[in-house]
Structures are given as structure tokens and as C-alpha cells.
N, C-alpha and C. Protein backbone atom coordinates (compact mmCIF):
# COMPACT_ATOMS: atom_id res chain seq x y z
N MET A 1 0.65 -1.24 0.04
CA MET A 1 -0.13 -0.12 0.13
C MET A 1 1.04 1.28 0.04
N PRO A 2 0.67 2.18 -0.73
CA PRO A 2 1.46 3.41 -0.92
C PRO A 2 1.41 4.34 0.11
N THR A 3 2.29 5.05 0.43
CA THR A 3 2.16 6.27 1.35
C THR A 3 2.26 7.36 0.68
N TYR A 4 1.29 8.26 0.99
CA TYR A 4 1.07 9.80 0.29
C TYR A 4 1.38 10.87 1.42
N ASP A 5 1.97 11.85 1.02
CA ASP A 5 2.33 12.71 1.84
C ASP A 5 1.60 14.08 1.62
N TYR A 6 0.77 14.68 2.56
CA TYR A 6 -0.07 15.63 2.49
C TYR A 6 0.33 17.19 2.99
N GLN A 7 0.24 18.11 2.77
CA GLN A 7 0.81 19.32 3.53
C GLN A 7 -0.72 20.62 3.69
N CYS A 8 -0.92 20.90 4.81
CA CYS A 8 -2.27 21.67 5.06
C CYS A 8 -1.83 23.27 4.31
N ARG A 9 -2.85 23.63 3.40
CA ARG A 9 -2.39 24.96 3.22
C ARG A 9 -2.65 26.08 4.15
N LYS A 10 -3.54 25.66 5.12
CA LYS A 10 -3.97 26.88 6.01
C LYS A 10 -2.70 27.05 7.13
N CYS A 11 -2.30 25.80 7.90
CA CYS A 11 -1.64 25.85 9.13
C CYS A 11 -0.24 25.38 8.52
N GLY A 12 -0.19 24.57 7.57
CA GLY A 12 1.47 24.25 7.02
C GLY A 12 1.55 22.76 7.61
N TYR A 13 0.70 22.33 8.28
CA TYR A 13 1.12 20.75 8.82
C TYR A 13 1.33 19.77 7.93
N LYS A 14 2.17 18.87 7.93
CA LYS A 14 2.78 17.82 7.02
C LYS A 14 2.19 16.54 7.64
N PHE A 15 1.64 15.86 6.87
CA PHE A 15 1.75 14.32 7.48
C PHE A 15 1.54 13.42 6.06
N GLU A 16 1.31 11.85 6.66
CA GLU A 16 1.52 11.00 5.52
C GLU A 16 0.46 10.15 6.16
N ARG A 17 0.02 9.42 4.87
CA ARG A 17 -1.04 8.53 5.08
C ARG A 17 -0.67 6.94 4.10
N PHE A 18 -1.34 5.80 4.77
CA PHE A 18 -1.08 4.76 3.86
C PHE A 18 -2.40 4.62 3.38
N GLN A 19 -2.56 4.71 2.21
CA GLN A 19 -4.19 4.59 1.37
C GLN A 19 -3.67 3.70 0.18
N GLY A 20 -4.64 2.89 -0.24
CA GLY A 20 -4.76 2.26 -1.53
C GLY A 20 -4.91 3.07 -2.55
N ILE A 21 -4.51 2.86 -3.68
CA ILE A 21 -4.33 3.19 -4.87
C ILE A 21 -5.76 4.13 -5.25
N LYS A 22 -7.00 3.20 -5.32
CA LYS A 22 -8.02 3.52 -5.79
C LYS A 22 -8.94 4.30 -4.41
N GLU A 23 -8.25 4.65 -3.29
CA GLU A 23 -8.93 5.44 -2.40
C GLU A 23 -8.90 6.95 -2.50
N GLU A 24 -9.81 7.63 -2.18
CA GLU A 24 -10.07 9.11 -2.44
C GLU A 24 -8.73 9.53 -1.38
N PRO A 25 -8.43 10.80 -2.11
CA PRO A 25 -7.12 11.51 -1.31
C PRO A 25 -7.99 12.27 -0.20
N VAL A 26 -7.09 12.51 0.84
CA VAL A 26 -7.51 13.37 2.07
C VAL A 26 -7.85 14.74 1.68
N LYS A 27 -8.48 15.37 1.89
CA LYS A 27 -9.03 16.59 1.59
C LYS A 27 -9.04 17.52 2.90
N THR A 28 -8.94 17.13 4.19
CA THR A 28 -9.06 18.28 5.20
C THR A 28 -7.88 17.67 6.01
N CYS A 29 -7.59 18.93 6.65
CA CYS A 29 -6.30 18.78 7.64
C CYS A 29 -6.69 18.19 9.30
N PRO A 30 -6.00 17.32 9.70
CA PRO A 30 -6.66 16.49 10.85
C PRO A 30 -6.34 17.41 12.06
N GLU A 31 -5.50 18.72 11.75
CA GLU A 31 -5.08 19.40 12.98
C GLU A 31 -6.38 20.43 12.71
N CYS A 32 -6.49 21.45 11.66
CA CYS A 32 -7.27 22.64 11.76
C CYS A 32 -8.30 22.45 10.52
N SER A 33 -8.49 21.26 10.16
CA SER A 33 -9.71 21.11 9.16
C SER A 33 -9.60 21.85 7.86
N GLY A 34 -8.50 22.27 7.59
CA GLY A 34 -8.55 23.07 6.33
C GLY A 34 -8.14 22.05 5.32
N LYS A 35 -7.82 22.93 3.89
CA LYS A 35 -7.87 22.35 2.75
C LYS A 35 -6.14 22.06 2.85
N VAL A 36 -5.96 20.50 2.33
CA VAL A 36 -4.60 19.87 2.03
C VAL A 36 -4.43 19.73 0.70
N ASP A 37 -2.82 19.85 0.24
CA ASP A 37 -2.46 19.24 -1.12
C ASP A 37 -1.53 18.26 -0.73
N ARG A 38 -1.86 17.07 -1.80
CA ARG A 38 -0.88 16.10 -1.59
C ARG A 38 0.42 16.42 -2.81
N LEU A 39 1.52 16.40 -1.90
CA LEU A 39 2.82 16.47 -2.18
C LEU A 39 3.34 15.25 -3.13
N ILE A 40 4.24 15.63 -3.74
CA ILE A 40 5.11 14.78 -4.80
C ILE A 40 6.13 14.23 -3.95
N SER A 41 6.52 12.99 -3.75
CA SER A 41 7.61 12.37 -3.18
C SER A 41 8.17 11.44 -3.74
N GLY A 42 9.29 11.20 -3.42
CA GLY A 42 10.31 10.17 -4.11
C GLY A 42 9.71 8.50 -3.63
N CYS A 43 9.76 7.84 -4.53
CA CYS A 43 9.25 6.37 -4.31
C CYS A 43 10.74 5.75 -3.77
N GLY A 44 10.40 4.73 -2.94
CA GLY A 44 11.50 3.76 -2.25
C GLY A 44 11.65 2.70 -3.36
N LEU A 45 13.07 2.52 -3.37
CA LEU A 45 13.46 1.65 -4.38
C LEU A 45 14.63 0.49 -3.62
N ILE A 46 14.07 -0.97 -3.97
CA ILE A 46 14.87 -1.86 -3.28
C ILE A 46 15.22 -2.80 -4.13
N PHE A 47 16.47 -3.11 -4.24
CA PHE A 47 17.06 -4.02 -5.09
C PHE A 47 17.30 -5.43 -4.22
N LYS A 48 16.73 -6.25 -4.69
CA LYS A 48 16.67 -7.66 -4.06
C LYS A 48 17.68 -8.35 -4.85
N GLY A 49 18.10 -9.24 -4.50
CA GLY A 49 18.95 -10.50 -5.10
C GLY A 49 20.32 -10.16 -4.97
N LYS A 50 21.11 -10.85 -6.11
CA LYS A 50 22.70 -11.10 -6.02
C LYS A 50 23.00 -9.71 -6.31
N GLY A 51 22.74 -8.99 -7.24
CA GLY A 51 23.25 -7.62 -7.71
C GLY A 51 23.06 -7.85 -9.34
N PHE A 52 23.46 -6.78 -9.97
CA PHE A 52 23.62 -6.44 -11.25
C PHE A 52 24.78 -6.64 -11.90
N TYR A 53 25.36 -7.22 -12.98
CA TYR A 53 26.36 -7.19 -13.55
C TYR A 53 26.57 -6.94 -14.72
N ILE A 54 27.49 -6.70 -15.42
CA ILE A 54 27.59 -6.25 -16.90
C ILE A 54 26.98 -7.20 -17.69
N THR A 55 27.40 -8.35 -17.45
CA THR A 55 26.95 -9.58 -18.24
C THR A 55 25.22 -9.82 -18.04
N ASP A 56 24.62 -9.01 -17.43
CA ASP A 56 23.16 -9.22 -17.23
C ASP A 56 22.45 -8.64 -18.50
N TYR A 57 22.93 -7.73 -18.92
CA TYR A 57 22.31 -7.19 -20.28
C TYR A 57 23.20 -7.37 -21.45
N LYS A 58 23.48 -8.37 -21.97
CA LYS A 58 24.21 -8.84 -22.99
C LYS A 58 24.15 -8.00 -24.45
N ASN A 59 24.90 -7.75 -24.92
CA ASN A 59 24.97 -7.22 -26.59
C ASN A 59 25.85 -7.90 -27.30
N LYS A 60 25.91 -8.02 -28.37
CA LYS A 60 27.05 -8.37 -29.32
C LYS A 60 28.28 -7.92 -29.16
N ASP A 61 28.61 -6.61 -28.83
CA ASP A 61 29.84 -5.89 -28.69
C ASP A 61 30.21 -6.70 -27.08
N SER A 62 29.61 -6.75 -26.17
CA SER A 62 30.12 -7.44 -24.81
C SER A 62 30.97 -8.67 -25.26
N LYS A 63 30.34 -9.63 -25.86
CA LYS A 63 30.89 -11.01 -26.02
C LYS A 63 32.25 -10.61 -26.55
N ALA A 64 32.42 -9.88 -27.91
CA ALA A 64 33.45 -9.66 -28.31
C ALA A 64 34.82 -9.11 -27.50
N ALA A 65 34.18 -8.20 -26.77
CA ALA A 65 35.05 -7.46 -25.91
C ALA A 65 35.84 -8.58 -24.86
N ARG A 66 35.09 -9.42 -24.32
CA ARG A 66 35.45 -10.17 -23.45
C ARG A 66 36.31 -11.34 -23.93
N SER A 67 36.14 -11.87 -25.03
CA SER A 67 36.85 -12.74 -25.88
C SER A 67 38.01 -12.29 -26.51
N GLY A 68 38.55 -10.93 -26.39
CA GLY A 68 39.44 -10.35 -27.22
C GLY A 68 39.52 -10.35 -28.42
N THR A 69 38.39 -10.75 -29.20
CA THR A 69 38.43 -10.88 -30.24
C THR A 69 37.78 -9.42 -31.24
N GLU A 70 37.74 -8.33 -30.61
CA GLU A 70 37.12 -7.54 -30.93
C GLU A 70 38.08 -6.71 -32.05
N LYS A 71 37.52 -5.93 -33.25
CA LYS A 71 38.23 -5.43 -34.44
C LYS A 71 39.23 -4.22 -33.48
N PRO A 72 40.32 -3.94 -34.14
CA PRO A 72 41.08 -2.61 -33.75
C PRO A 72 40.44 -1.52 -34.24
N VAL A 73 40.57 -0.51 -33.81
CA VAL A 73 39.87 0.95 -34.08
C VAL A 73 41.04 1.71 -34.70
N GLU A 74 40.56 2.16 -35.77
CA GLU A 74 41.43 2.75 -36.74
C GLU A 74 41.30 4.28 -36.18
N LYS A 75 42.74 4.88 -36.04
CA LYS A 75 42.74 5.96 -35.54
C LYS A 75 42.88 7.15 -36.81
N LYS A 76 41.94 8.05 -37.01
CA LYS A 76 41.70 9.07 -37.57
C LYS A 76 42.65 10.33 -37.27
N ASP A 77 43.11 11.16 -38.38
CA ASP A 77 43.63 12.36 -37.75
C ASP A 77 42.56 13.39 -37.56
N THR A 78 42.91 14.16 -36.71
CA THR A 78 41.97 15.55 -36.56
C THR A 78 41.87 16.63 -37.77
N PRO A 79 40.82 17.12 -37.88
CA PRO A 79 40.91 18.21 -39.34
C PRO A 79 42.17 19.05 -39.13
N ALA A 80 42.51 19.53 -37.99
CA ALA A 80 43.68 20.34 -37.69
C ALA A 80 44.77 19.77 -38.38
N LYS A 81 45.02 18.68 -38.06
CA LYS A 81 46.29 17.55 -38.42
C LYS A 81 46.27 17.40 -39.60
N GLU A 82 45.13 16.97 -40.23
CA GLU A 82 45.12 16.70 -41.81
C GLU A 82 45.37 18.16 -42.56
N ALA A 83 44.77 19.31 -42.12
CA ALA A 83 45.11 20.57 -42.99
C ALA A 83 46.62 20.94 -42.94
N ALA A 84 47.54 20.62 -41.88
CA ALA A 84 48.70 20.52 -41.72
C ALA A 84 49.38 19.91 -42.60
N THR A 85 49.02 18.58 -42.67
CA THR A 85 50.03 17.70 -43.40
C THR A 85 49.86 17.80 -45.00
N LYS A 86 48.60 18.78 -45.29
CA LYS A 86 48.34 19.06 -46.88
C LYS A 86 49.04 20.13 -47.25
N GLU A 87 50.00 20.77 -46.43
CA GLU A 87 50.42 22.21 -46.94
C GLU A 87 51.88 21.72 -47.32
């Protein structure tokens, strides 16, 4: 069940409520009966399990990099070097 944060417009009182997703939002402050606004808050994120590794999301480049069979990268001169060598 999610936790929602609220703040009163009148007195500034902040509180939170555990509510179902389909429940109506709280409309009145429990302290002064003023109108409340639902605040946007961060959600909790829990990672469970052994962890995440580079091998979890494989692509064709990662296999070549691990086996040492990747193609050598050709080095290209920068435009400034090319202009200097043409003169």
C-alpha cells in the first residue's frame, strides 16, 4: 500500500497516510480542518537478489570485448592535423 504525503494550506501541517491506490485523497487537515495538498515525493526503490553485473544485459559487443576478438579501432587524424599535412 503506498504512502502519500500531504500538507495543509492553512496551518502548514505535514502528514502522511497509507492509502490504497483507488482510495480518495485526503481533503481536510486533521489539525485545523483546512484544505490539504498531496505532495509529490520520491518512491522507495529496493534491489533484491545477488546484484547486477555487466553480463546481465548482453549485447553483441560485450561478448567480443570479453573474448579479446574485437576489431582494432582505426585512428583518424583530426581536421587540424590533416590541414597541416596537406600544406
